[in-house]
Protein backbone atom coordinates (compact mmCIF):
# COMPACT_ATOMS: atom_id res chain seq x y z
CA MET A 1 -51.33 38.87 26.67
CA THR A 2 -51.31 41.85 23.03
CA ASP A 3 -52.88 41.64 20.68
CA ASP A 4 -49.52 41.54 18.10
CA ARG A 5 -47.70 38.23 19.92
CA LYS A 6 -47.93 35.63 17.67
CA LEU A 7 -46.86 32.55 17.66
CA LEU A 8 -43.81 31.28 15.61
CA GLY A 9 -42.81 28.36 16.79
CA SER A 10 -41.65 26.26 19.55
CA THR A 11 -39.02 23.70 19.68
CA LYS A 12 -37.28 21.24 22.16
CA VAL A 13 -34.78 21.52 25.02
CA SER A 14 -32.10 19.53 24.97
CA THR A 15 -30.41 17.26 27.49
CA ASP A 16 -27.51 20.92 27.91
CA ASN A 17 -30.71 23.25 27.99
CA LYS A 18 -30.40 23.67 24.59
CA VAL A 19 -32.70 25.48 21.89
CA THR A 20 -32.50 25.90 18.43
CA ILE A 21 -34.32 29.43 17.20
CA VAL A 22 -37.10 28.93 14.91
CA LYS A 23 -37.14 30.06 11.04
CA ASP A 24 -38.96 32.75 11.47
CA ALA A 25 -37.90 34.69 14.22
CA ALA A 26 -34.33 34.18 13.35
CA ALA A 27 -35.98 35.44 10.11
CA ILE A 28 -37.37 38.45 11.86
CA LEU A 29 -34.82 39.15 14.12
CA ARG A 30 -31.70 38.57 11.21
CA ILE A 31 -29.14 36.21 12.98
CA SER A 32 -27.48 33.77 11.67
CA LYS A 33 -24.37 31.37 13.07
CA GLY A 34 -21.82 32.49 14.99
CA ASP A 35 -24.30 35.52 15.61
CA ILE A 36 -24.33 36.47 20.12
CA ILE A 37 -28.84 36.77 21.01
CA ALA A 38 -29.57 38.38 24.14
CA PHE A 39 -31.96 37.73 26.47
CA TYR A 40 -33.94 39.98 29.22
CA GLN A 41 -36.49 39.68 31.90
CA GLU A 42 -39.34 41.46 32.64
CA ASP A 43 -42.55 41.81 33.79
CA GLY A 44 -41.73 37.05 34.34
CA LYS A 45 -40.86 37.18 31.01
CA ILE A 46 -38.40 36.45 28.25
CA TYR A 47 -37.74 37.89 25.39
CA ILE A 48 -34.59 37.71 23.33
CA GLU A 49 -33.07 40.35 21.08
CA LYS A 50 -30.18 39.78 18.13
CA GLY A 51 -27.25 41.05 20.49
């Protein structure tokens, strides 16, 4: 784990595998309704970026 890793919040997975992006993470990524989110896998971890 790196020193610049910071927990921004947590969310629950719905029954159909949907999650809500926490407000702080959405602000950092500058995402809003209708934006595309990309998921990447690396070294056993999942990363998200604005698509």
